């Protein structure tokens, strides 16, 4: 992993977290136990604080950054999927941000909610708990309970936790 101190603030990574060798952490980034940050992801906490809670995952090529003086919290067992931009304030427990989605300043995603792939969550939007949201701009479509999307909310963090352990133990550079 690439870790950089910025103005006296440096990343903190729990020894039982997985951070891919090509991920970049800058400034006040805190990665908790069992969390994972995947290949090509950038977490830049130069003007903000970023906390990736236990069991959550920031997938390949995603960027997490925020407004000045904000503490961004990616809640326990939450997922920022592939190629996302998260510039919001928080994601609740088991929230899932779908591939190639964007979350803008001061937006929040409630616990157990799924924001569909390719969505744009506009500044200040609050996606409530337990819903499927989609679109550009993202809007609540329906409760997630009883839909096929609830499967991903319930299982994604567990799957990525197991996969992170396999990468920690099995990925090796090739000469």
Protein backbone atom coordinates (compact mmCIF):
# COMPACT_ATOMS: atom_id res chain seq x y z
CA UNK A 1 0.00 0.00 0.00
CA UNK A 2 1.01 3.58 -0.50
CA UNK A 3 0.68 5.56 2.75
CA UNK A 4 1.43 9.24 3.07
CA UNK A 5 1.49 11.59 6.03
CA UNK A 6 -0.01 15.00 5.34
CA UNK A 7 0.64 17.97 7.66
CA UNK A 8 1.36 15.66 10.59
CA UNK A 9 -1.67 13.41 10.06
CA UNK A 10 -1.00 9.86 8.96
CA UNK A 11 -3.03 6.76 8.10
CA UNK A 12 -3.78 4.18 10.79
CA UNK A 13 -4.47 0.62 9.64
CA UNK A 14 -5.55 -2.14 12.01
CA UNK A 15 -3.24 -5.18 11.68
CA UNK A 16 -6.25 -7.37 10.81
CA UNK A 17 -7.41 -5.13 7.95
CA UNK A 18 -6.50 -5.73 4.31
CA UNK A 19 -5.17 -2.86 2.23
CA UNK A 20 -4.12 -3.86 -1.29
CA UNK A 21 -0.56 -3.08 -2.32
CA UNK A 22 -1.74 -0.55 -4.93
CA UNK A 23 -4.23 1.29 -2.68
CA UNK A 24 -3.29 4.81 -1.55
CA UNK A 25 -4.03 6.25 1.90
CA UNK A 26 -3.25 9.92 2.57
CA UNK A 27 -3.58 11.84 5.84
CA UNK A 28 -6.12 11.11 8.58
CA UNK A 29 -7.42 7.76 7.33
CA UNK A 30 -8.42 5.09 9.86
CA UNK A 31 -9.01 1.52 8.71
CA UNK A 32 -10.58 -0.72 11.37
CA UNK A 33 -10.30 -4.45 12.02
CA UNK A 34 -11.56 -6.67 9.21
CA UNK A 35 -12.08 -3.77 6.79
CA UNK A 36 -10.60 -3.92 3.29
CA UNK A 37 -9.37 -1.34 0.79
CA UNK A 38 -8.86 -2.80 -2.68
CA UNK A 39 -6.55 -2.29 -5.65
CA UNK A 40 -6.29 1.22 -7.01
CA UNK A 41 -8.54 2.77 -4.35
CA UNK A 42 -7.56 6.22 -3.07
CA UNK A 43 -8.60 7.51 0.37
CA UNK A 44 -7.43 11.13 0.63
CA UNK A 45 -7.97 12.65 4.06
CA UNK A 46 -5.96 15.82 3.65
CA UNK A 47 -8.74 18.26 4.62
CA UNK A 48 -11.11 15.76 6.25
CA UNK A 49 -11.02 12.55 8.30
CA UNK A 50 -11.98 9.18 6.82
CA UNK A 51 -12.99 6.26 9.04
CA UNK A 52 -13.59 2.86 7.43
CA UNK A 53 -15.41 0.87 10.11
CA UNK A 54 -14.99 -2.80 10.96
CA UNK A 55 -15.89 -5.24 8.20
CA UNK A 56 -16.51 -2.62 5.52
CA UNK A 57 -14.88 -2.57 2.10
CA UNK A 58 -13.77 0.06 -0.40
CA UNK A 59 -13.45 -1.72 -3.73
CA UNK A 60 -11.12 -1.34 -6.69
CA UNK A 61 -10.55 2.14 -8.17
CA UNK A 62 -12.90 3.95 -5.81
CA UNK A 63 -12.06 7.37 -4.38
CA UNK A 64 -13.07 8.60 -0.92
CA UNK A 65 -12.55 12.28 -0.06
CA UNK A 66 -14.64 14.96 1.61
CA UNK A 67 -15.39 18.55 2.32
CA UNK A 68 -13.13 20.50 4.70
CA UNK A 69 -13.36 19.51 8.38
CA UNK A 70 -15.84 16.67 7.73
CA UNK A 71 -15.45 13.25 9.34
CA UNK A 72 -16.49 10.72 6.71
CA UNK A 73 -17.70 7.46 8.19
CA UNK A 74 -18.10 4.30 6.13
CA UNK A 75 -20.19 2.29 8.60
CA UNK A 76 -19.60 -1.26 9.76
CA UNK A 77 -20.03 -3.87 7.01
CA UNK A 78 -20.74 -1.21 4.37
CA UNK A 79 -19.58 -1.43 0.76
CA UNK A 80 -18.28 1.21 -1.62
CA UNK A 81 -18.25 -0.89 -4.80
CA UNK A 82 -15.97 -0.67 -7.83
CA UNK A 83 -15.11 2.72 -9.38
CA UNK A 84 -17.21 4.87 -7.06
CA UNK A 85 -16.60 8.42 -5.88
CA UNK A 86 -17.66 8.94 -2.27
CA UNK A 87 -17.52 12.63 -1.32
CA UNK A 88 -20.41 12.46 1.14
CA UNK A 89 -20.59 12.33 4.92
CA UNK A 90 -21.57 8.79 5.87
CA UNK A 91 -22.84 5.33 5.03
CA UNK A 92 -24.71 3.30 7.65
CA UNK A 93 -24.22 -0.31 8.69
CA UNK A 94 -24.49 -2.69 5.71
CA UNK A 95 -25.18 0.14 3.25
CA UNK A 96 -24.07 -0.63 -0.30
CA UNK A 97 -23.03 1.92 -2.93
CA UNK A 98 -23.27 0.24 -6.35
CA UNK A 99 -20.57 0.23 -9.01
CA UNK A 100 -19.65 3.55 -10.66
CA UNK A 101 -21.90 5.61 -8.38
CA UNK A 102 -21.12 9.07 -7.05
CA UNK A 103 -22.06 10.52 -3.66
CA UNK A 104 -21.56 14.28 -3.35
CA UNK A 105 -20.92 16.69 -0.44
CA UNK A 106 -22.79 16.15 2.82
CA UNK A 107 -24.96 13.32 1.46
CA UNK A 108 -25.70 10.26 3.60
CA UNK A 109 -26.78 6.69 2.91
CA UNK A 110 -28.83 5.00 5.63
CA UNK A 111 -28.14 1.61 7.17
CA UNK A 112 -29.13 -1.37 5.05
CA UNK A 113 -29.79 0.68 1.91
CA UNK A 114 -28.53 0.00 -1.59
CA UNK A 115 -27.77 2.77 -4.07
CA UNK A 116 -27.95 1.18 -7.53
CA UNK A 117 -24.99 1.14 -9.91
CA UNK A 118 -24.38 4.34 -11.83
CA UNK A 119 -26.44 6.52 -9.50
CA UNK A 120 -25.61 10.08 -8.45
CA UNK A 121 -26.50 11.10 -4.91
CA UNK A 122 -26.66 14.89 -5.03
CA UNK A 123 -25.27 17.23 -2.33
CA UNK A 124 -27.06 17.09 1.00
CA UNK A 125 -29.32 14.17 0.05
CA UNK A 126 -30.22 11.74 2.84
CA UNK A 127 -31.04 8.26 1.55
CA UNK A 128 -33.09 6.70 4.38
CA UNK A 129 -32.45 3.32 6.01
CA UNK A 130 -33.54 0.10 4.34
CA UNK A 131 -34.35 1.32 0.84
CA UNK A 132 -33.32 0.84 -2.76
CA UNK A 133 -32.33 4.17 -4.34
CA UNK A 134 -31.41 4.72 -7.98
CA UNK A 135 -31.00 7.31 -10.68
CA UNK A 136 -29.34 10.58 -11.50
CA UNK A 137 -30.24 12.18 -9.23
CA UNK A 138 -30.73 9.19 -6.95
CA UNK A 139 -34.18 8.84 -5.42
CA UNK A 140 -35.76 6.27 -3.13
CA UNK A 141 -37.59 3.64 -5.20
CA UNK A 142 -38.91 1.18 -2.61
CA UNK A 143 -38.12 -0.63 0.62
CA UNK A 144 -35.32 -3.14 0.12
CA UNK A 145 -36.77 -5.85 2.36
CA UNK A 146 -38.12 -8.75 0.34
CA UNK A 147 -36.33 -7.76 -2.88
CA UNK A 148 -33.42 -9.49 -4.60
CA UNK A 149 -31.27 -6.47 -3.74
CA UNK A 150 -31.54 -7.30 -0.02
CA UNK A 151 -29.35 -10.37 -0.69
CA UNK A 152 -26.42 -8.10 -1.64
CA UNK A 153 -26.89 -5.84 1.39
CA UNK A 154 -26.86 -8.83 3.75
CA UNK A 155 -24.01 -10.83 2.18
CA UNK A 156 -21.58 -8.50 0.42
CA UNK A 157 -19.47 -7.48 3.43
CA UNK A 158 -19.12 -11.08 4.60
CA UNK A 159 -18.05 -12.19 1.12
CA UNK A 160 -15.50 -9.37 0.82
CA UNK A 161 -14.16 -10.07 4.32
CA UNK A 162 -13.44 -13.66 3.32
CA UNK A 163 -11.98 -12.60 -0.03
CA UNK A 164 -9.75 -10.04 1.69
CA UNK A 165 -8.31 -12.78 3.90
CA UNK A 166 -7.55 -14.86 0.80
CA UNK A 167 -5.76 -11.90 -0.79
CA UNK A 168 -3.83 -11.16 2.39
CA UNK A 169 -2.61 -14.78 2.46
CA UNK A 170 -2.36 -15.50 -1.26
CA UNK A 171 -1.47 -12.51 -3.40
CA UNK A 172 2.21 -12.43 -4.38
CA UNK A 173 4.15 -10.22 -6.77
CA UNK A 174 5.29 -11.85 -10.00
CA UNK A 175 8.88 -11.38 -11.15
